[in-house]
Protein backbone atom coordinates (compact mmCIF):
# COMPACT_ATOMS: atom_id res chain seq x y z
CA MET A 1 -28.31 -10.80 53.32
CA PRO A 2 -30.27 -12.00 50.26
CA ASP A 3 -28.42 -14.31 47.86
CA LEU A 4 -26.65 -12.48 45.06
CA ASP A 5 -24.17 -13.77 42.47
CA LEU A 6 -21.67 -10.90 42.61
CA HIS A 7 -19.51 -12.25 39.78
CA GLN A 8 -22.48 -12.48 37.43
CA LEU A 9 -23.65 -9.02 38.45
CA THR A 10 -20.18 -7.64 37.75
CA ALA A 11 -20.18 -9.21 34.30
CA ASN A 12 -23.61 -7.75 33.64
CA ILE A 13 -22.52 -4.28 34.80
CA LYS A 14 -19.66 -4.29 32.32
CA LEU A 15 -21.96 -5.49 29.54
CA TRP A 16 -24.59 -2.85 30.34
CA GLY A 17 -21.87 -0.22 30.44
CA ARG A 18 -20.68 -1.08 26.95
CA GLU A 19 -24.25 -1.07 25.69
CA LEU A 20 -24.63 2.45 27.10
CA GLY A 21 -21.62 3.70 25.16
CA PHE A 22 -18.83 3.41 27.71
CA GLN A 23 -15.69 1.93 26.22
CA GLN A 24 -14.49 0.49 29.51
CA VAL A 25 -15.90 -0.27 32.96
CA GLY A 26 -13.79 -1.16 35.98
CA ILE A 27 -14.41 -1.66 39.69
CA ALA A 28 -12.22 -0.37 42.52
CA ASP A 29 -12.20 -0.52 46.29
CA ILE A 30 -12.30 2.77 48.17
CA GLU A 31 -8.82 2.80 49.76
CA LEU A 32 -7.09 6.03 48.68
CA VAL A 33 -4.55 6.62 51.44
CA ASP A 34 -1.61 7.31 49.11
CA ALA A 35 -3.71 9.56 46.88
CA GLU A 36 -4.89 11.48 49.95
CA VAL A 37 -1.31 12.18 51.02
CA ARG A 38 -0.38 13.38 47.52
CA LEU A 39 -3.44 15.62 47.39
CA GLN A 40 -2.63 17.24 50.73
CA GLU A 41 0.96 17.87 49.66
CA TRP A 42 -0.25 19.36 46.36
CA LEU A 43 -2.69 21.66 48.13
CA ALA A 44 -0.03 22.72 50.64
CA ARG A 45 2.12 23.96 47.75
CA GLY A 46 -0.75 26.12 46.55
CA TYR A 47 -0.81 24.45 43.14
CA HIS A 48 -4.62 24.58 43.05
CA GLY A 49 -4.60 28.36 42.70
CA SER A 50 -8.06 29.83 43.14
CA MET A 51 -9.80 26.46 42.95
CA GLU A 52 -10.68 26.50 46.63
CA TRP A 53 -13.27 23.78 46.12
CA LEU A 54 -10.39 21.31 45.81
CA ALA A 55 -9.46 22.00 49.42
CA ALA A 56 -13.04 21.98 50.67
CA HIS A 57 -15.05 19.05 52.10
CA GLY A 58 -12.29 17.81 54.41
CA ASN A 59 -11.29 14.26 53.53
CA LYS A 60 -14.49 13.39 51.69
CA ARG A 61 -12.65 13.65 48.37
CA SER A 62 -10.27 10.83 49.26
CA ARG A 63 -12.68 8.85 51.45
CA PRO A 64 -15.72 7.83 49.39
CA ALA A 65 -17.50 6.30 52.37
CA GLU A 66 -17.48 9.72 54.08
CA LEU A 67 -18.96 11.38 51.00
CA LEU A 68 -21.65 8.71 50.64
CA PRO A 69 -21.92 6.58 53.79
CA GLY A 70 -22.19 2.89 53.04
CA THR A 71 -20.06 3.01 49.88
CA VAL A 72 -17.77 -0.01 49.53
CA ARG A 73 -16.94 0.05 45.80
CA VAL A 74 -16.60 2.56 42.99
CA ILE A 75 -17.54 1.65 39.43
CA SER A 76 -15.31 3.70 37.12
CA VAL A 77 -16.13 4.21 33.43
CA ARG A 78 -14.34 5.59 30.39
CA MET A 79 -15.88 7.30 27.37
CA ASP A 80 -13.75 8.37 24.40
CA TYR A 81 -14.35 11.92 23.19
CA LEU A 82 -11.81 12.78 20.48
CA PRO A 83 -13.66 14.01 17.38
CA GLY A 84 -12.58 12.93 13.92
CA ASP A 85 -9.72 14.78 12.25
CA THR A 86 -10.09 18.37 13.47
CA GLN A 87 -6.67 19.36 12.10
CA GLN A 88 -5.54 20.03 15.63
CA ILE A 89 -1.89 20.73 14.89
CA LYS A 90 -2.75 22.85 11.87
CA ILE A 91 -5.05 25.07 13.96
CA LEU A 92 -2.45 25.45 16.69
CA LYS A 93 0.13 26.58 14.17
CA ASP A 94 -2.23 29.08 12.52
CA SER A 95 -2.13 32.08 14.85
CA THR A 96 -5.20 33.62 13.18
CA LYS A 97 -7.36 30.69 14.32
CA ALA A 98 -8.83 30.01 17.77
CA TYR A 99 -7.77 26.77 19.41
CA ILE A 100 -10.41 25.25 21.67
CA SER A 101 -9.68 22.14 23.70
CA ARG A 102 -11.03 19.09 21.88
CA TYR A 103 -13.32 18.09 24.74
CA ALA A 104 -15.24 21.38 24.47
CA LEU A 105 -15.99 21.44 20.75
CA GLY A 106 -19.33 19.66 21.12
CA ARG A 107 -21.97 19.46 23.82
CA ASP A 108 -21.04 19.48 27.48
CA TYR A 109 -20.20 15.93 28.47
CA HIS A 110 -21.50 16.18 32.02
CA LYS A 111 -25.18 15.71 31.22
CA LEU A 112 -24.64 12.95 28.67
CA ILE A 113 -22.40 10.84 30.90
CA ARG A 114 -24.42 11.48 34.07
CA LYS A 115 -27.62 10.43 32.31
CA ARG A 116 -26.09 7.17 31.12
CA LEU A 117 -24.50 6.47 34.48
CA SER A 118 -27.89 6.99 36.08
CA VAL A 119 -29.34 4.40 33.71
CA LEU A 120 -26.53 2.01 34.64
CA ALA A 121 -27.13 2.65 38.36
CA GLN A 122 -30.83 1.87 37.85
CA LYS A 123 -30.00 -1.37 36.06
CA ILE A 124 -27.86 -2.39 39.03
CA ASP A 125 -30.65 -1.56 41.47
CA ASP A 126 -33.16 -3.50 39.39
CA ALA A 127 -30.87 -6.54 39.52
CA LEU A 128 -30.64 -6.50 43.32
CA PRO A 129 -32.99 -8.64 45.44
CA GLU A 130 -36.00 -6.74 46.77
CA LYS A 131 -34.78 -6.59 50.36
CA TYR A 132 -31.12 -5.96 49.58
CA PRO A 133 -29.61 -3.32 51.94
CA PHE A 134 -29.19 0.15 50.39
CA LYS A 135 -31.20 -0.86 47.32
CA GLY A 136 -31.88 2.26 45.26
CA GLN A 137 -29.06 4.31 46.80
CA ASN A 138 -26.23 3.84 44.27
CA ARG A 139 -25.12 7.27 43.08
CA ALA A 140 -23.53 8.54 39.85
CA PHE A 141 -20.90 11.30 39.69
CA VAL A 142 -19.37 13.25 36.80
CA ASP A 143 -17.27 16.14 38.14
CA SER A 144 -20.24 16.94 40.36
CA ALA A 145 -18.83 16.13 43.80
CA PRO A 146 -15.48 15.78 45.58
CA VAL A 147 -14.35 12.56 43.93
CA MET A 148 -10.77 11.54 43.12
CA GLU A 149 -11.70 10.12 39.76
CA ARG A 150 -8.22 9.56 38.37
CA PRO A 151 -6.81 7.51 41.28
CA LEU A 152 -10.04 5.52 41.27
CA ALA A 153 -9.82 4.95 37.51
CA GLU A 154 -6.24 3.75 37.92
CA LYS A 155 -7.27 1.33 40.69
CA ALA A 156 -10.15 0.09 38.50
CA GLY A 157 -7.73 -0.84 35.72
CA LEU A 158 -8.62 1.90 33.22
CA GLY A 159 -4.99 2.96 32.80
CA TRP A 160 -2.09 4.59 34.64
CA THR A 161 -1.40 8.17 35.67
CA GLY A 162 0.94 9.77 33.15
CA LYS A 163 3.59 12.36 33.84
CA HIS A 164 1.07 14.99 32.72
CA THR A 165 -1.22 13.73 35.55
CA LEU A 166 -3.90 12.38 33.17
CA ILE A 167 -4.90 8.72 32.87
CA ILE A 168 -3.30 6.93 29.92
CA ASN A 169 -4.49 3.63 28.50
CA SER A 170 -1.96 1.81 26.32
CA GLY A 171 -4.68 0.78 23.88
CA VAL A 172 -6.43 4.13 23.41
CA GLY A 173 -4.27 6.92 24.79
CA SER A 174 -5.82 9.58 27.03
CA TRP A 175 -8.59 11.33 25.08
CA PHE A 176 -11.46 10.15 27.27
CA PHE A 177 -13.85 11.27 30.00
CA LEU A 178 -14.26 9.53 33.32
CA GLY A 179 -17.34 8.95 35.47
CA GLU A 180 -18.16 7.00 38.61
CA ILE A 181 -20.92 5.18 40.42
CA PHE A 182 -20.59 4.80 44.18
CA THR A 183 -22.16 1.52 45.19
CA PHE A 184 -22.93 -0.35 48.39
CA VAL A 185 -22.60 -3.73 46.71
CA PRO A 186 -19.28 -5.53 47.51
CA LEU A 187 -18.49 -6.35 43.88
CA PRO A 188 -15.25 -8.17 42.99
CA ILE A 189 -12.61 -5.53 42.31
CA ASP A 190 -10.47 -5.26 39.19
CA GLN A 191 -6.72 -5.28 39.50
CA PRO A 192 -4.83 -2.52 37.70
CA GLU A 193 -4.15 -4.11 34.33
CA GLN A 194 -1.56 -1.60 33.17
CA ILE A 195 1.66 -0.68 34.89
CA ASN A 196 3.09 2.78 34.29
CA GLN A 197 4.55 2.79 30.78
CA CYS A 198 5.75 6.39 30.49
CA GLY A 199 9.33 5.18 30.81
CA GLU A 200 11.96 7.86 30.16
CA CYS A 201 9.65 9.91 27.93
CA THR A 202 9.24 13.56 28.99
CA ALA A 203 7.59 14.91 25.85
CA CYS A 204 4.49 16.15 27.69
CA LEU A 205 6.60 18.04 30.22
CA LYS A 206 8.83 19.70 27.63
CA VAL A 207 6.04 20.78 25.28
CA CYS A 208 3.99 22.64 27.92
CA PRO A 209 3.91 26.28 26.71
CA THR A 210 3.91 27.69 30.24
CA ASP A 211 6.13 25.14 32.02
CA ALA A 212 3.27 24.06 34.28
CA PHE A 213 4.94 20.84 35.47
CA PRO A 214 7.40 21.42 38.35
CA ARG A 215 8.29 17.73 38.10
CA PRO A 216 6.85 14.58 36.51
CA TYR A 217 3.39 13.63 37.78
CA GLU A 218 2.83 17.06 39.32
CA LEU A 219 0.92 20.00 37.82
CA ASP A 220 1.05 23.59 39.03
CA ALA A 221 -2.43 24.59 37.91
CA ARG A 222 -1.58 28.27 38.33
CA ARG A 223 0.64 28.01 35.26
CA CYS A 224 -1.62 25.73 33.22
CA ILE A 225 -3.39 27.30 30.24
CA SER A 226 -6.51 25.26 30.96
CA TYR A 227 -6.65 26.82 34.41
CA LEU A 228 -5.77 30.31 33.17
CA THR A 229 -8.46 30.33 30.48
CA ILE A 230 -11.22 28.47 32.33
CA GLU A 231 -10.92 28.33 36.12
CA ASN A 232 -9.15 31.67 36.56
CA LYS A 233 -11.75 34.44 36.71
CA GLY A 234 -9.36 37.39 36.94
CA SER A 235 -6.54 38.81 34.90
CA ILE A 236 -4.21 36.45 33.04
CA PRO A 237 -0.66 37.19 34.25
CA GLU A 238 1.35 38.88 31.50
CA GLU A 239 4.12 36.28 31.66
CA PHE A 240 1.68 33.68 30.31
CA ARG A 241 -0.04 35.71 27.59
CA GLU A 242 2.45 35.21 24.78
CA PRO A 243 2.96 31.50 25.58
CA MET A 244 -0.82 31.06 25.38
CA GLY A 245 -0.65 31.72 21.65
CA ASN A 246 -4.10 31.09 20.16
CA ARG A 247 -5.37 28.77 22.89
CA VAL A 248 -8.58 30.46 24.01
CA PHE A 249 -10.29 27.67 25.95
CA GLY A 250 -8.12 25.00 27.48
CA CYS A 251 -4.98 23.38 26.14
CA ASP A 252 -4.25 19.90 24.79
CA ASP A 253 -0.53 20.10 24.08
CA CYS A 254 0.52 17.52 26.67
CA GLN A 255 -1.97 15.05 25.21
CA ALA A 256 -1.30 15.89 21.58
CA ILE A 257 2.38 15.05 21.91
CA CYS A 258 1.93 11.87 23.97
CA PRO A 259 3.12 8.86 21.93
CA TRP A 260 0.33 6.71 23.37
CA ASN A 261 -2.27 8.86 21.67
CA LYS A 262 -1.34 7.43 18.30
CA TYR A 263 -3.70 4.65 19.40
CA ALA A 264 -6.56 7.03 20.22
CA GLN A 265 -9.97 6.10 18.85
CA PHE A 266 -12.30 8.70 17.38
CA THR A 267 -15.56 9.08 19.27
CA GLY A 268 -18.80 7.65 17.98
CA GLU A 269 -20.85 10.07 20.07
CA THR A 270 -22.42 12.71 17.83
CA ASP A 271 -22.84 15.02 20.83
CA PHE A 272 -19.05 15.30 21.07
CA LEU A 273 -18.61 16.42 17.46
CA PRO A 274 -17.73 20.08 16.79
CA ARG A 275 -20.57 22.60 16.54
CA HIS A 276 -20.81 26.13 15.13
CA GLY A 277 -17.49 25.75 13.32
CA LEU A 278 -15.56 25.99 16.58
CA ALA A 279 -12.90 23.57 15.39
CA ASP A 280 -11.77 26.02 12.69
CA SER A 281 -12.85 29.56 13.57
CA ASP A 282 -10.97 32.82 13.15
CA LEU A 283 -10.09 34.58 16.39
CA VAL A 284 -11.48 37.88 15.20
CA ASP A 285 -14.79 36.35 14.13
CA LEU A 286 -15.32 34.85 17.59
CA PHE A 287 -14.23 38.09 19.24
CA ASN A 288 -16.89 39.97 17.27
CA TRP A 289 -19.71 37.85 18.66
CA THR A 290 -22.23 39.82 20.67
CA GLU A 291 -23.15 38.50 24.09
CA ASP A 292 -26.41 37.16 22.66
CA GLU A 293 -24.48 35.32 19.96
CA PHE A 294 -22.12 33.91 22.57
CA LEU A 295 -25.01 32.63 24.68
CA THR A 296 -26.77 31.14 21.66
CA ARG A 297 -23.76 29.42 20.15
CA THR A 298 -22.42 28.05 23.41
CA GLU A 299 -25.75 26.71 24.63
CA GLY A 300 -25.18 23.22 26.01
CA SER A 301 -21.41 23.70 25.73
CA ALA A 302 -18.71 23.63 28.40
CA ILE A 303 -17.51 26.97 27.00
CA ARG A 304 -20.55 28.70 28.48
CA ARG A 305 -19.13 28.34 31.99
CA ILE A 306 -16.46 31.04 31.50
CA GLY A 307 -19.07 33.63 30.54
CA TYR A 308 -18.89 36.29 27.86
CA GLU A 309 -16.34 38.36 29.78
CA GLY A 310 -13.95 35.41 30.09
CA TRP A 311 -14.49 34.59 26.42
CA LEU A 312 -13.49 38.11 25.34
CA ARG A 313 -10.54 38.16 27.73
CA ASN A 314 -9.12 34.95 26.28
CA LEU A 315 -9.75 35.97 22.69
CA ALA A 316 -8.10 39.34 23.27
CA VAL A 317 -4.93 37.52 24.30
CA GLY A 318 -5.17 35.35 21.19
CA LEU A 319 -5.56 38.43 19.00
CA GLY A 320 -2.54 40.00 20.67
CA ASN A 321 -0.55 36.97 19.55
CA ALA A 322 -1.94 37.02 15.99
CA PRO A 323 -0.17 38.64 13.03
CA SER A 324 -0.69 42.41 12.86
CA GLU A 325 -3.79 43.24 10.84
CA GLU A 326 -5.84 46.39 10.51
CA ARG A 327 -9.12 44.51 11.02
CA ILE A 328 -7.82 43.02 14.27
CA MET A 329 -6.77 46.46 15.51
CA ALA A 330 -10.15 47.86 14.51
CA SER A 331 -12.05 45.04 16.20
CA LEU A 332 -10.08 45.40 19.42
CA THR A 333 -10.54 49.15 19.45
CA GLU A 334 -14.28 48.91 18.82
CA LYS A 335 -14.89 46.25 21.45
CA ARG A 336 -12.92 48.26 24.01
CA ARG A 337 -15.60 50.96 24.01
CA THR A 338 -18.11 48.72 25.81
CA ALA A 339 -15.83 46.14 27.44
CA SER A 340 -15.45 45.60 31.18
CA PRO A 341 -12.26 46.81 32.89
CA LEU A 342 -10.95 43.23 32.91
CA VAL A 343 -11.42 42.84 29.17
CA GLN A 344 -10.09 46.35 28.51
CA GLU A 345 -6.86 45.41 30.27
CA HIS A 346 -6.33 42.48 27.92
CA ILE A 347 -7.40 44.47 24.87
CA ASP A 348 -4.84 47.16 25.73
CA TRP A 349 -2.16 44.48 25.96
CA ALA A 350 -3.27 43.05 22.61
CA LEU A 351 -3.21 46.47 20.94
CA THR A 352 0.32 47.03 22.23
CA GLN A 353 1.36 43.64 20.86
CA GLN A 354 -0.29 44.36 17.52
CA ALA A 355 1.63 47.62 17.24
CA LYS A 356 5.03 45.99 17.69
CA PRO A 357 7.02 45.75 14.45
CA ASN A 358 8.53 42.43 13.41
CA ARG A 359 7.24 40.62 16.47
CA ARG A 360 8.95 37.32 17.19
CA ARG A 361 7.42 34.95 19.68
CA LYS A 362 8.74 31.81 21.25
CA ARG A 363 6.18 29.14 20.49
CA LYS A 364 6.76 25.61 21.70
CA ILE A 365 3.93 24.31 19.58
CA GLN A 366 6.38 23.81 16.73
CA GLN A 367 7.60 20.78 18.65
CA LEU A 368 4.22 19.11 18.29
CA ARG A 369 3.46 16.38 15.83
CA PRO A 370 0.11 14.69 15.24
CA SER A 371 -0.35 11.73 17.59
CA ASN A 372 -3.11 10.05 15.60
């Protein structure tokens, strides 16, 4: 084995990571026995819904060395994504506006983070001696393979798993993306720097509009608005349509209410800043987009993945929850003429809702307060 100063290489990796725009870099071993047990129990309860890919690949998700033979460490990185003041709470409370999860307002993060991780992986390879085993085989991942990124991030010291199942860092909250590099180099591992600091707080569990948390630290994705509006390709169950309110792509309520997010830092990445006015758009204006407009204005965006049909479906639900207006009724009626059966179903529900006099809806969003 060629000589290699692993401590110096580790220090360099963290420096290179910061230079590439990652706010934090940590290193974990690949032991995920406890996480594997929790995953199997979660899958057995059916909480993954139609996301069959979560149950695929055997144990490769929880055993990195089976996914990429030779892996001995995982380099975990964090990149903050929260845009500047997008008047998040104000938009949620205005039922004529479309609320889009903050991570999806700008360009899709996958390409940006993967590209920078690839640069970091190359820097590591370049630093290795010429005849070092596995040189050139480090591999970057960003939601592109069966990787348990949150347990790995926790082991690498990036934060702790909150009751809403997301990673929380006491210094910056939870508004950040994660990415990984699987490496064959036995780098010194980081110890988890932060113990769980959720304490007795249950704000994230109580604020969930669809009661998607059966218990702390456990999410039933089938009830989660992010799942319903993004991963779910079929009809949105009627019991969840009113609670969805104006959330048409994802949901941030459990993060918005988290006390730790008062420490969140706004992103410096211009690619993550809102585009096409999506941070403050009227539901009906977005619903009136043609398919060509949808494809043009969501180019390079995570929103594109749900397709035009999913976009209309979600917006129809939002319009059904909006105040009764003639232009909304007219827009729904006109779009129904050419809509698919799936979208027609949701338009019909929205038209029925619009026709109800003095509609009163239970909206948990009134509990929310800005966290930064």
